[in-house]
N, C-alpha and C. Protein backbone atom coordinates (compact mmCIF):
# COMPACT_ATOMS: atom_id res chain seq x y z
N MET A 1 31.77 -116.38 41.86
CA MET A 1 33.19 -116.63 41.62
C MET A 1 33.62 -115.75 40.45
N GLU A 2 34.68 -114.99 40.67
CA GLU A 2 35.21 -114.11 39.63
C GLU A 2 36.09 -114.90 38.66
N ARG A 3 36.27 -114.36 37.46
CA ARG A 3 37.03 -115.05 36.42
C ARG A 3 38.44 -115.48 36.87
N PRO A 4 39.23 -114.63 37.53
CA PRO A 4 40.56 -115.09 37.96
C PRO A 4 40.51 -116.32 38.86
N GLU A 5 39.50 -116.39 39.73
CA GLU A 5 39.36 -117.56 40.59
C GLU A 5 38.92 -118.78 39.78
N ILE A 6 38.03 -118.58 38.82
CA ILE A 6 37.60 -119.67 37.93
C ILE A 6 38.82 -120.26 37.23
N ILE A 7 39.67 -119.40 36.70
CA ILE A 7 40.85 -119.86 35.97
C ILE A 7 41.79 -120.61 36.91
N SER A 8 42.03 -120.06 38.07
CA SER A 8 42.94 -120.69 39.03
C SER A 8 42.44 -122.06 39.47
N VAL A 9 41.19 -122.13 39.89
CA VAL A 9 40.61 -123.39 40.36
C VAL A 9 40.60 -124.43 39.23
N THR A 10 40.19 -123.98 38.06
CA THR A 10 40.08 -124.88 36.90
C THR A 10 41.44 -125.43 36.50
N LYS A 11 42.43 -124.56 36.39
CA LYS A 11 43.78 -125.02 36.01
C LYS A 11 44.29 -126.05 37.00
N LYS A 12 44.04 -125.82 38.28
CA LYS A 12 44.54 -126.73 39.31
C LYS A 12 43.94 -128.12 39.16
N PHE A 13 42.61 -128.22 39.06
CA PHE A 13 42.03 -129.56 38.98
C PHE A 13 42.28 -130.22 37.63
N LEU A 14 42.37 -129.44 36.57
CA LEU A 14 42.66 -130.03 35.26
C LEU A 14 44.08 -130.58 35.21
N SER A 15 45.03 -129.82 35.72
CA SER A 15 46.42 -130.29 35.68
C SER A 15 46.61 -131.53 36.54
N GLU A 16 45.94 -131.57 37.69
CA GLU A 16 46.05 -132.74 38.57
C GLU A 16 45.38 -133.96 37.97
N GLU A 17 44.16 -133.80 37.50
CA GLU A 17 43.39 -134.95 36.99
C GLU A 17 43.97 -135.51 35.69
N PHE A 18 44.38 -134.61 34.79
CA PHE A 18 44.83 -135.07 33.48
C PHE A 18 46.35 -135.11 33.37
N GLU A 19 47.02 -134.92 34.52
CA GLU A 19 48.47 -135.07 34.64
C GLU A 19 49.24 -134.28 33.59
N VAL A 20 48.93 -132.98 33.52
CA VAL A 20 49.68 -132.08 32.64
C VAL A 20 50.26 -130.96 33.50
N ASP A 21 51.36 -130.43 33.06
CA ASP A 21 51.98 -129.29 33.74
C ASP A 21 51.02 -128.11 33.67
N ILE A 22 50.76 -127.49 34.81
CA ILE A 22 49.81 -126.37 34.87
C ILE A 22 50.24 -125.25 33.92
N ASN A 23 51.53 -125.13 33.65
CA ASN A 23 52.02 -124.08 32.76
C ASN A 23 51.72 -124.34 31.29
N THR A 24 51.29 -125.56 30.95
CA THR A 24 50.92 -125.85 29.56
C THR A 24 49.47 -125.45 29.27
N ILE A 25 48.73 -125.11 30.31
CA ILE A 25 47.34 -124.69 30.15
C ILE A 25 47.32 -123.20 29.87
N LYS A 26 47.20 -122.86 28.61
CA LYS A 26 47.20 -121.46 28.14
C LYS A 26 45.80 -121.08 27.68
N ASP A 27 45.43 -119.83 27.89
CA ASP A 27 44.09 -119.36 27.52
C ASP A 27 43.71 -119.70 26.08
N ASP A 28 44.66 -119.54 25.16
CA ASP A 28 44.36 -119.78 23.75
C ASP A 28 44.73 -121.20 23.31
N GLY A 29 45.15 -122.04 24.27
CA GLY A 29 45.49 -123.42 23.95
C GLY A 29 44.26 -124.27 23.71
N ASN A 30 44.42 -125.30 22.91
CA ASN A 30 43.32 -126.21 22.59
C ASN A 30 43.08 -127.14 23.78
N LEU A 31 41.88 -127.11 24.33
CA LEU A 31 41.52 -127.90 25.51
C LEU A 31 41.73 -129.39 25.26
N ARG A 32 41.16 -129.89 24.19
CA ARG A 32 41.21 -131.33 23.89
C ARG A 32 42.64 -131.81 23.67
N GLU A 33 43.41 -131.05 22.90
CA GLU A 33 44.77 -131.47 22.59
C GLU A 33 45.70 -131.34 23.80
N THR A 34 45.60 -130.25 24.53
CA THR A 34 46.48 -130.03 25.68
C THR A 34 46.26 -131.10 26.74
N LEU A 35 45.01 -131.44 26.99
CA LEU A 35 44.69 -132.43 28.02
C LEU A 35 44.64 -133.85 27.47
N ASP A 36 44.79 -134.00 26.14
CA ASP A 36 44.73 -135.29 25.46
C ASP A 36 43.43 -136.02 25.81
N LEU A 37 42.31 -135.32 25.60
CA LEU A 37 41.00 -135.85 25.96
C LEU A 37 40.43 -136.77 24.88
N ASP A 38 39.88 -137.90 25.33
CA ASP A 38 39.07 -138.72 24.45
C ASP A 38 37.63 -138.64 24.97
N SER A 39 36.72 -139.37 24.36
CA SER A 39 35.31 -139.24 24.73
C SER A 39 35.06 -139.62 26.19
N LEU A 40 35.77 -140.61 26.71
CA LEU A 40 35.60 -141.01 28.10
C LEU A 40 36.14 -139.95 29.06
N ASP A 41 37.19 -139.25 28.64
CA ASP A 41 37.74 -138.18 29.48
C ASP A 41 36.74 -137.05 29.67
N TYR A 42 35.90 -136.82 28.68
CA TYR A 42 34.88 -135.78 28.82
C TYR A 42 33.90 -136.12 29.94
N VAL A 43 33.63 -137.39 30.13
CA VAL A 43 32.77 -137.81 31.24
C VAL A 43 33.45 -137.46 32.56
N ASP A 44 34.74 -137.76 32.66
CA ASP A 44 35.51 -137.39 33.86
C ASP A 44 35.49 -135.87 34.06
N LEU A 45 35.61 -135.14 32.96
CA LEU A 45 35.62 -133.69 33.04
C LEU A 45 34.31 -133.15 33.59
N VAL A 46 33.20 -133.72 33.17
CA VAL A 46 31.89 -133.31 33.69
C VAL A 46 31.81 -133.56 35.19
N VAL A 47 32.29 -134.71 35.63
CA VAL A 47 32.29 -135.03 37.06
C VAL A 47 33.16 -134.04 37.83
N LEU A 48 34.33 -133.73 37.29
CA LEU A 48 35.23 -132.77 37.95
C LEU A 48 34.59 -131.39 38.06
N ILE A 49 33.95 -130.96 37.00
CA ILE A 49 33.28 -129.66 37.01
C ILE A 49 32.20 -129.63 38.08
N ASP A 50 31.42 -130.70 38.15
CA ASP A 50 30.37 -130.78 39.16
C ASP A 50 30.96 -130.74 40.57
N GLU A 51 32.04 -131.50 40.80
CA GLU A 51 32.67 -131.54 42.13
C GLU A 51 33.27 -130.20 42.54
N HIS A 52 33.95 -129.54 41.61
CA HIS A 52 34.71 -128.34 41.94
C HIS A 52 33.94 -127.04 41.73
N LEU A 53 32.97 -127.06 40.81
CA LEU A 53 32.29 -125.82 40.45
C LEU A 53 30.78 -125.85 40.66
N GLY A 54 30.24 -127.05 40.90
CA GLY A 54 28.84 -127.15 41.29
C GLY A 54 27.79 -127.17 40.19
N PHE A 55 28.19 -127.51 38.96
CA PHE A 55 27.20 -127.68 37.90
C PHE A 55 27.67 -128.77 36.94
N LYS A 56 26.72 -129.34 36.21
CA LYS A 56 27.04 -130.39 35.24
C LYS A 56 26.80 -129.86 33.83
N PRO A 57 27.87 -129.64 33.08
CA PRO A 57 27.69 -129.21 31.69
C PRO A 57 27.19 -130.38 30.85
N THR A 58 26.53 -130.05 29.76
CA THR A 58 26.02 -131.07 28.84
C THR A 58 26.96 -131.19 27.64
N ALA A 59 26.74 -132.22 26.85
CA ALA A 59 27.52 -132.39 25.61
C ALA A 59 27.33 -131.18 24.71
N GLU A 60 26.13 -130.64 24.70
CA GLU A 60 25.82 -129.45 23.90
C GLU A 60 26.69 -128.27 24.33
N ASP A 61 26.93 -128.14 25.62
CA ASP A 61 27.76 -127.05 26.14
C ASP A 61 29.18 -127.10 25.56
N PHE A 62 29.69 -128.30 25.36
CA PHE A 62 31.07 -128.46 24.89
C PHE A 62 31.23 -128.26 23.39
N LYS A 63 30.14 -128.19 22.65
CA LYS A 63 30.25 -128.04 21.20
C LYS A 63 30.98 -126.77 20.79
N SER A 64 30.86 -125.71 21.58
CA SER A 64 31.52 -124.45 21.23
C SER A 64 32.85 -124.25 21.96
N VAL A 65 33.30 -125.26 22.69
CA VAL A 65 34.53 -125.14 23.46
C VAL A 65 35.70 -125.75 22.69
N GLU A 66 36.63 -124.90 22.29
CA GLU A 66 37.86 -125.36 21.66
C GLU A 66 39.07 -125.01 22.50
N THR A 67 39.10 -123.78 23.01
CA THR A 67 40.25 -123.31 23.78
C THR A 67 39.91 -123.28 25.27
N PHE A 68 40.93 -123.10 26.07
CA PHE A 68 40.69 -122.95 27.50
C PHE A 68 39.87 -121.69 27.77
N ASN A 69 40.11 -120.65 26.99
CA ASN A 69 39.32 -119.42 27.15
C ASN A 69 37.84 -119.70 26.91
N ASP A 70 37.52 -120.51 25.88
CA ASP A 70 36.13 -120.91 25.63
C ASP A 70 35.58 -121.65 26.85
N PHE A 71 36.41 -122.51 27.42
CA PHE A 71 36.01 -123.27 28.60
C PHE A 71 35.73 -122.35 29.78
N TYR A 72 36.62 -121.39 30.01
CA TYR A 72 36.40 -120.43 31.10
C TYR A 72 35.12 -119.63 30.87
N ASN A 73 34.87 -119.26 29.61
CA ASN A 73 33.63 -118.53 29.29
C ASN A 73 32.41 -119.37 29.63
N LEU A 74 32.45 -120.65 29.29
CA LEU A 74 31.35 -121.56 29.60
C LEU A 74 31.12 -121.62 31.11
N VAL A 75 32.20 -121.81 31.87
CA VAL A 75 32.08 -121.91 33.32
C VAL A 75 31.51 -120.61 33.88
N GLU A 76 32.06 -119.50 33.43
CA GLU A 76 31.60 -118.19 33.92
C GLU A 76 30.11 -117.99 33.63
N GLN A 77 29.69 -118.34 32.43
CA GLN A 77 28.28 -118.19 32.03
C GLN A 77 27.38 -119.07 32.89
N LYS A 78 27.79 -120.34 33.09
CA LYS A 78 26.97 -121.26 33.87
C LYS A 78 26.87 -120.81 35.33
N LEU A 79 27.97 -120.32 35.89
CA LEU A 79 27.94 -119.88 37.28
C LEU A 79 27.10 -118.63 37.46
N MET A 80 27.11 -117.74 36.47
CA MET A 80 26.30 -116.53 36.55
C MET A 80 24.81 -116.85 36.45
N ASN A 81 24.47 -117.89 35.71
CA ASN A 81 23.07 -118.27 35.50
C ASN A 81 22.54 -119.23 36.56
N ALA A 82 23.42 -119.65 37.47
CA ALA A 82 23.01 -120.63 38.49
C ALA A 82 22.19 -119.97 39.59
């Protein structure tokens, strides 16, 4: 999966699941703040990633994720290593 497809697929399921306007999801936007994530939402996020992208990120994976761009980098790295 190429990066543009990763971004498209990810934005779609994030906006639907967390009920945010897809246009508020910006590459340099803060993932946690934009999606209003709490600790339980991260569990939902892991399930969504597994369903839509085919891998389960760990809590350690999210330590370096602040922006959506960081998130896309994580997804891209995990898919390349799969």
